[in-house]
């Protein structure tokens, strides 16, 4: 239901990049073999690992020595759990304490990805022999279901195209397969994503003698393979960034690796660096009432990238704030572009000097 709500909402949000506040970041659902104490304990550990990966945006968080140890003591962070049967599969759903998890990240100086996350549009093209097709939002296929499940698992807001008349008029399969930026950006505009990902899935790949598939395969199947590669472009750039390419015999297994790559790539732009605080001074130039000042301060207080702030100057309608950031100024600017509340002003003739104080306007369209 959540994915279809995104489709409905974004069709009425054409003017700016779309952000989604992701819920249930501190909850995970994992398969459960049985309700014995041993299997329950294993499932709860797996659920905590899943939550940690969602918060970090990167599976490397699980290689941290202290994190490994804390997973064994999952009960310190557990708030509740229950059992759920879904399509005949027994699952355990566990929730963990948000403050304790966040404190764990701060303690270990680990990057932390907040709840406000960018909407990512996936253009997925599959190739089987001479036939190519685009996976749409309403597609009924294991690959579609896997992408949807992985997006939820990673805490990444993903939308697939509707592939209605508008889409089919704006873009053709060769545009996507060839990664031609102009038609891709044109067709993507209606979805107002922050980033666009092009994924190509080919069942026509062949292993060479020095290649090994990423999934187990006997000698009889090493002659042919499935190949998946991905590329990404942000709405602020015409540059197409090339990701990795993987070969194997199971497209769903390969897609898990691809999704991990993409999530890590995107999270690195928005994650908070808990290791070092940075100070930044900004001006908000159109604060003309006490009520508006309160709105601005409440907004700054809710931004997870800002650990603290204070008003240091008030002159006319201008308010100057000193911010203490958990990370870089670029992380703050990237986060601000997701919500459209505080817009930076840059003189088109003079540009923005690195030594200048950034100027923002509140609540402008």
Protein backbone atom coordinates (compact mmCIF):
# COMPACT_ATOMS: atom_id res chain seq x y z
CA UNK A 1 0.00 0.00 0.00
CA UNK A 2 2.90 2.32 0.84
CA UNK A 3 4.37 2.09 -2.65
CA UNK A 4 1.06 3.02 -4.28
CA UNK A 5 0.70 5.98 -1.92
CA UNK A 6 4.04 7.21 -3.25
CA UNK A 7 2.80 6.91 -6.83
CA UNK A 8 -0.34 8.91 -6.02
CA UNK A 9 1.53 11.61 -4.10
CA UNK A 10 4.34 12.19 -6.55
CA UNK A 11 1.94 12.74 -9.44
CA UNK A 12 0.91 15.94 -7.65
CA UNK A 13 4.46 17.01 -6.70
CA UNK A 14 6.11 18.09 -9.93
CA UNK A 15 8.12 21.08 -8.75
CA UNK A 16 10.88 19.63 -6.58
CA UNK A 17 12.71 16.46 -5.69
CA UNK A 18 10.57 14.16 -3.58
CA UNK A 19 11.59 12.90 -0.17
CA UNK A 20 9.96 10.22 1.94
CA UNK A 21 10.00 9.91 5.71
CA UNK A 22 10.70 6.22 6.16
CA UNK A 23 8.90 4.57 9.03
CA UNK A 24 9.78 1.33 10.78
CA UNK A 25 13.52 1.86 10.40
CA UNK A 26 13.98 0.28 13.81
CA UNK A 27 11.78 -2.72 13.03
CA UNK A 28 12.67 -5.79 10.97
CA UNK A 29 10.93 -8.95 9.82
CA UNK A 30 12.97 -12.14 9.48
CA UNK A 31 12.13 -15.75 8.68
CA UNK A 32 11.69 -18.05 11.67
CA UNK A 33 12.35 -21.79 11.55
CA UNK A 34 10.50 -22.52 14.79
CA UNK A 35 9.52 -20.88 18.05
CA UNK A 36 12.15 -22.71 20.06
CA UNK A 37 14.37 -20.54 22.22
CA UNK A 38 17.38 -21.25 20.02
CA UNK A 39 15.66 -20.29 16.75
CA UNK A 40 14.02 -17.30 18.38
CA UNK A 41 17.40 -16.04 19.58
CA UNK A 42 18.92 -16.48 16.10
CA UNK A 43 15.99 -14.62 14.53
CA UNK A 44 16.27 -11.72 16.97
CA UNK A 45 19.98 -11.37 16.21
CA UNK A 46 19.20 -11.38 12.49
CA UNK A 47 16.52 -8.72 13.03
CA UNK A 48 18.93 -6.47 14.92
CA UNK A 49 21.48 -6.85 12.13
CA UNK A 50 18.83 -5.89 9.58
CA UNK A 51 17.96 -2.75 11.57
CA UNK A 52 21.62 -1.76 11.91
CA UNK A 53 22.08 -2.06 8.14
CA UNK A 54 18.98 0.08 7.50
CA UNK A 55 20.24 2.80 9.84
CA UNK A 56 23.75 2.77 8.39
CA UNK A 57 22.76 2.23 4.76
CA UNK A 58 25.80 -0.02 4.45
CA UNK A 59 26.34 -3.65 5.41
CA UNK A 60 29.91 -2.82 6.43
CA UNK A 61 28.50 -1.67 9.76
CA UNK A 62 28.25 -5.36 10.73
CA UNK A 63 32.03 -5.76 10.45
CA UNK A 64 32.60 -3.35 13.35
CA UNK A 65 33.98 -5.38 16.26
CA UNK A 66 31.88 -3.67 18.93
CA UNK A 67 28.73 -3.99 16.81
CA UNK A 68 29.39 -7.71 16.41
CA UNK A 69 29.57 -8.06 20.17
CA UNK A 70 26.42 -6.00 20.77
CA UNK A 71 24.42 -8.17 18.37
CA UNK A 72 25.01 -11.05 20.78
CA UNK A 73 23.40 -8.91 23.50
CA UNK A 74 20.35 -7.99 21.40
CA UNK A 75 18.05 -7.99 24.45
CA UNK A 76 19.59 -4.65 25.56
CA UNK A 77 18.03 -3.00 22.52
CA UNK A 78 14.86 -5.06 22.03
CA UNK A 79 11.53 -3.37 22.81
CA UNK A 80 9.06 -5.95 21.50
CA UNK A 81 8.60 -8.84 19.08
CA UNK A 82 5.80 -10.98 17.72
CA UNK A 83 5.20 -13.81 15.29
CA UNK A 84 3.66 -13.38 11.86
CA UNK A 85 2.71 -15.87 9.18
CA UNK A 86 2.95 -14.41 5.69
CA UNK A 87 2.03 -16.53 2.64
CA UNK A 88 2.65 -19.68 4.63
CA UNK A 89 6.06 -18.51 5.87
CA UNK A 90 6.64 -18.08 9.60
CA UNK A 91 8.32 -14.80 10.49
CA UNK A 92 9.43 -12.91 13.56
CA UNK A 93 8.89 -9.14 13.67
CA UNK A 94 11.11 -7.31 16.16
CA UNK A 95 11.37 -3.64 17.16
CA UNK A 96 14.39 -2.04 18.81
CA UNK A 97 14.94 1.09 20.89
CA UNK A 98 15.69 4.04 18.60
CA UNK A 99 17.65 6.07 21.15
CA UNK A 100 19.82 3.14 22.21
CA UNK A 101 20.57 2.20 18.60
CA UNK A 102 21.48 5.80 17.74
CA UNK A 103 23.68 6.04 20.82
CA UNK A 104 25.48 2.90 19.66
CA UNK A 105 26.29 4.62 16.36
CA UNK A 106 27.51 7.77 18.14
CA UNK A 107 29.63 5.73 20.51
CA UNK A 108 31.39 3.98 17.62
CA UNK A 109 31.53 7.10 15.38
CA UNK A 110 29.52 5.33 12.66
CA UNK A 111 27.63 7.18 9.90
CA UNK A 112 23.91 7.33 10.65
CA UNK A 113 21.24 7.73 7.97
CA UNK A 114 18.13 9.64 9.09
CA UNK A 115 14.44 8.96 8.44
CA UNK A 116 14.03 11.53 5.65
CA UNK A 117 15.33 9.72 2.58
CA UNK A 118 15.38 10.52 -1.15
CA UNK A 119 12.92 8.96 -3.55
CA UNK A 120 14.75 6.86 -6.14
CA UNK A 121 13.26 5.98 -9.51
CA UNK A 122 14.31 2.59 -10.91
CA UNK A 123 14.29 2.03 -14.66
CA UNK A 124 14.82 -1.74 -14.92
CA UNK A 125 15.22 -3.28 -18.38
CA UNK A 126 15.42 -7.05 -18.81
CA UNK A 127 16.86 -8.80 -21.87
CA UNK A 128 16.09 -12.42 -22.75
CA UNK A 129 17.24 -13.45 -26.21
CA UNK A 130 15.99 -10.77 -28.60
CA UNK A 131 13.25 -9.59 -26.25
CA UNK A 132 13.64 -6.60 -23.95
CA UNK A 133 11.06 -5.10 -21.60
CA UNK A 134 10.76 -2.53 -18.81
CA UNK A 135 9.68 -3.64 -15.34
CA UNK A 136 6.75 -1.41 -14.34
CA UNK A 137 5.16 -0.63 -10.99
CA UNK A 138 2.30 -3.03 -11.76
CA UNK A 139 4.51 -5.78 -13.19
CA UNK A 140 3.82 -9.25 -11.82
CA UNK A 141 7.17 -11.00 -11.74
CA UNK A 142 9.61 -12.40 -9.17
CA UNK A 143 12.10 -9.63 -10.08
CA UNK A 144 9.54 -6.91 -9.36
CA UNK A 145 8.65 -8.51 -6.03
CA UNK A 146 12.33 -8.88 -5.12
CA UNK A 147 13.06 -5.23 -5.83
CA UNK A 148 10.08 -4.18 -3.71
CA UNK A 149 11.10 -6.44 -0.82
CA UNK A 150 14.73 -5.33 -0.95
CA UNK A 151 13.74 -1.65 -0.99
CA UNK A 152 11.75 -2.19 2.20
CA UNK A 153 14.58 -4.20 3.72
CA UNK A 154 17.11 -1.46 2.98
CA UNK A 155 14.87 1.42 4.01
CA UNK A 156 15.23 2.92 0.54
CA UNK A 157 12.15 4.63 -1.00
CA UNK A 158 12.00 3.16 -4.51
CA UNK A 159 9.44 3.71 -7.24
CA UNK A 160 9.15 1.90 -10.54
CA UNK A 161 7.63 3.67 -13.58
CA UNK A 162 3.96 3.30 -14.38
CA UNK A 163 4.72 2.62 -18.06
CA UNK A 164 1.43 4.19 -19.07
CA UNK A 165 0.85 6.17 -22.26
CA UNK A 166 2.88 9.13 -20.98
CA UNK A 167 5.92 6.97 -20.24
CA UNK A 168 5.76 5.09 -23.53
CA UNK A 169 5.64 8.41 -25.38
CA UNK A 170 8.56 9.88 -23.45
CA UNK A 171 11.03 7.01 -23.52
CA UNK A 172 11.95 3.91 -25.51
CA UNK A 173 13.80 0.80 -24.40
CA UNK A 174 16.92 1.65 -26.50
CA UNK A 175 17.14 4.98 -24.61
CA UNK A 176 17.45 3.11 -21.33
CA UNK A 177 19.68 0.33 -22.61
CA UNK A 178 22.03 2.91 -24.13
CA UNK A 179 21.77 5.16 -21.04
CA UNK A 180 20.93 8.28 -23.09
CA UNK A 181 20.57 10.96 -20.46
CA UNK A 182 18.18 13.43 -22.16
CA UNK A 183 15.21 11.09 -22.74
CA UNK A 184 15.82 9.43 -19.37
CA UNK A 185 15.65 12.74 -17.52
CA UNK A 186 12.62 13.82 -19.54
CA UNK A 187 10.69 10.64 -18.73
CA UNK A 188 11.77 10.77 -15.08
CA UNK A 189 10.61 14.35 -14.42
CA UNK A 190 7.00 13.40 -13.74
CA UNK A 191 8.11 11.24 -10.81
CA UNK A 192 10.25 14.03 -9.24
CA UNK A 193 12.91 11.63 -7.89
CA UNK A 194 16.12 12.76 -6.26
CA UNK A 195 18.05 10.06 -8.06
CA UNK A 196 17.42 7.89 -11.10
CA UNK A 197 18.86 4.37 -11.37
CA UNK A 198 19.13 2.45 -14.63
CA UNK A 199 19.44 -1.32 -14.15
CA UNK A 200 20.07 -3.67 -17.07
CA UNK A 201 19.38 -7.38 -16.60
CA UNK A 202 20.60 -9.61 -19.41
CA UNK A 203 20.12 -13.36 -19.70
CA UNK A 204 22.43 -13.42 -22.73
CA UNK A 205 25.71 -13.16 -20.84
CA UNK A 206 28.47 -15.77 -21.19
CA UNK A 207 31.23 -16.67 -18.75
CA UNK A 208 34.77 -16.44 -20.05
CA UNK A 209 37.48 -18.81 -18.88
CA UNK A 210 38.77 -16.38 -16.23
CA UNK A 211 35.34 -15.53 -14.81
CA UNK A 212 33.44 -17.24 -12.04
CA UNK A 213 29.75 -16.69 -11.36
CA UNK A 214 28.71 -14.98 -8.13
CA UNK A 215 26.42 -17.92 -7.33
CA UNK A 216 27.24 -21.61 -7.07
CA UNK A 217 27.22 -23.27 -10.47
CA UNK A 218 28.39 -26.64 -11.77
CA UNK A 219 30.29 -27.17 -15.03
CA UNK A 220 27.12 -27.62 -17.08
CA UNK A 221 25.89 -24.09 -16.42
CA UNK A 222 29.12 -22.11 -16.67
CA UNK A 223 28.67 -21.49 -20.38
CA UNK A 224 25.79 -19.04 -19.92
CA UNK A 225 24.97 -16.50 -17.24
CA UNK A 226 22.79 -13.64 -16.13
CA UNK A 227 24.45 -10.23 -16.08
CA UNK A 228 23.22 -7.20 -14.10
CA UNK A 229 24.76 -3.75 -14.16
CA UNK A 230 23.55 -0.43 -12.76
CA UNK A 231 24.08 3.26 -13.36
CA UNK A 232 22.85 6.27 -11.40
CA UNK A 233 22.19 9.95 -12.09
CA UNK A 234 21.00 12.63 -9.67
CA UNK A 235 18.47 15.26 -10.67
CA UNK A 236 21.10 17.98 -10.10
CA UNK A 237 23.57 16.51 -12.59
CA UNK A 238 23.74 15.22 -16.14
CA UNK A 239 26.56 12.90 -15.18
CA UNK A 240 25.87 9.16 -15.30
CA UNK A 241 27.80 7.32 -12.60
CA UNK A 242 28.66 3.73 -13.42
CA UNK A 243 28.20 1.09 -10.77
CA UNK A 244 29.38 -2.50 -10.70
CA UNK A 245 28.49 -5.37 -13.00
CA UNK A 246 27.73 -8.83 -11.71
CA UNK A 247 27.32 -12.22 -13.38
CA UNK A 248 25.69 -15.33 -12.00
CA UNK A 249 22.91 -17.83 -12.58
CA UNK A 250 20.23 -16.38 -10.26
CA UNK A 251 18.92 -12.89 -11.03
CA UNK A 252 17.29 -12.54 -7.60
CA UNK A 253 20.57 -13.28 -5.81
CA UNK A 254 22.37 -10.82 -8.08
CA UNK A 255 19.71 -8.17 -7.44
CA UNK A 256 20.42 -8.38 -3.69
CA UNK A 257 24.03 -7.43 -4.35
CA UNK A 258 23.02 -4.66 -6.73
CA UNK A 259 20.55 -3.22 -4.22
CA UNK A 260 23.22 -3.22 -1.52
CA UNK A 261 25.53 -1.30 -3.86
CA UNK A 262 22.91 1.29 -4.71
CA UNK A 263 21.82 1.80 -1.11
CA UNK A 264 25.42 2.28 0.03
CA UNK A 265 26.07 4.74 -2.80
CA UNK A 266 23.03 6.88 -1.97
CA UNK A 267 23.34 6.71 1.82
CA UNK A 268 26.91 8.03 1.72
CA UNK A 269 25.55 11.35 0.49
CA UNK A 270 23.05 11.77 3.30
CA UNK A 271 24.46 9.89 6.28
CA UNK A 272 25.50 11.88 9.31
CA UNK A 273 29.12 11.64 10.33
CA UNK A 274 29.00 11.13 14.07
CA UNK A 275 32.77 11.39 14.50
CA UNK A 276 33.34 15.12 14.05
CA UNK A 277 31.12 18.17 14.51
CA UNK A 278 31.39 21.09 12.08
CA UNK A 279 30.21 24.65 12.60
CA UNK A 280 28.38 26.52 9.87
CA UNK A 281 26.87 30.02 9.86
CA UNK A 282 23.78 30.64 7.73
CA UNK A 283 21.40 33.54 7.14
CA UNK A 284 17.63 33.16 6.84
CA UNK A 285 16.68 36.34 5.01
CA UNK A 286 12.88 36.58 5.20
CA UNK A 287 11.90 36.10 8.84
CA UNK A 288 9.34 38.89 9.28
CA UNK A 289 7.37 37.72 12.32
CA UNK A 290 7.80 35.96 15.64
CA UNK A 291 5.64 33.08 14.39
CA UNK A 292 7.90 32.62 11.37
CA UNK A 293 10.99 32.70 13.58
CA UNK A 294 9.47 29.96 15.73
CA UNK A 295 8.73 27.89 12.61
CA UNK A 296 12.33 28.23 11.41
CA UNK A 297 13.83 27.26 14.77
CA UNK A 298 11.50 24.30 15.15
CA UNK A 299 12.50 23.15 11.67
CA UNK A 300 16.22 23.44 12.45
CA UNK A 301 15.69 21.58 15.71
CA UNK A 302 14.13 18.61 13.86
CA UNK A 303 16.94 18.23 11.32
CA UNK A 304 18.99 15.22 12.37
CA UNK A 305 22.10 16.62 10.68
CA UNK A 306 22.09 19.58 13.12
CA UNK A 307 23.21 18.67 16.64
CA UNK A 308 22.70 22.22 18.00
CA UNK A 309 22.21 25.81 16.84
CA UNK A 310 21.91 29.33 18.20
CA UNK A 311 20.82 32.75 16.96
CA UNK A 312 23.84 35.05 16.78
CA UNK A 313 22.44 38.08 14.94
CA UNK A 314 19.08 39.66 14.10
CA UNK A 315 18.85 42.62 11.74
CA UNK A 316 15.65 43.60 9.98
CA UNK A 317 14.12 40.44 8.52
CA UNK A 318 17.47 38.63 8.53
CA UNK A 319 18.34 36.02 11.17
CA UNK A 320 21.84 34.61 11.41
CA UNK A 321 22.32 31.20 12.98
CA UNK A 322 25.40 29.27 14.02
CA UNK A 323 24.85 25.58 13.40
CA UNK A 324 26.80 22.67 14.78
CA UNK A 325 26.57 19.86 12.25
CA UNK A 326 27.05 16.13 12.54
CA UNK A 327 28.91 15.92 9.26
CA UNK A 328 29.70 18.34 6.46
CA UNK A 329 27.84 21.35 5.09
CA UNK A 330 27.23 19.30 1.92
CA UNK A 331 25.27 16.79 4.00
CA UNK A 332 23.10 19.61 5.33
CA UNK A 333 22.53 21.09 1.87
CA UNK A 334 21.62 17.68 0.46
CA UNK A 335 19.11 17.12 3.29
CA UNK A 336 17.53 20.56 2.77
CA UNK A 337 16.89 19.81 -0.89
CA UNK A 338 14.67 16.91 0.17
CA UNK A 339 12.05 18.95 2.03
CA UNK A 340 11.77 22.30 0.19
CA UNK A 341 11.24 24.31 3.39
CA UNK A 342 14.53 26.19 3.49
CA UNK A 343 15.83 27.14 0.04
CA UNK A 344 19.32 28.43 -0.57
CA UNK A 345 19.68 31.61 -2.63
CA UNK A 346 22.64 31.87 -5.00
CA UNK A 347 23.09 34.98 -7.11
CA UNK A 348 23.11 33.68 -10.72
CA UNK A 349 25.65 36.38 -11.67
CA UNK A 350 28.01 36.06 -8.73
CA UNK A 351 27.54 32.42 -7.77
CA UNK A 352 28.38 31.16 -4.30
CA UNK A 353 31.84 31.82 -2.88
CA UNK A 354 33.13 29.20 -0.47
CA UNK A 355 33.87 31.97 2.07
CA UNK A 356 30.41 33.57 1.82
CA UNK A 357 27.67 32.97 4.37
CA UNK A 358 24.94 30.85 2.74
CA UNK A 359 21.63 32.70 2.45
CA UNK A 360 18.31 30.86 2.70
CA UNK A 361 14.67 31.79 2.33
CA UNK A 362 11.98 30.17 4.44
CA UNK A 363 8.88 28.52 3.03
CA UNK A 364 9.23 29.84 -0.52
CA UNK A 365 7.99 27.88 -3.53
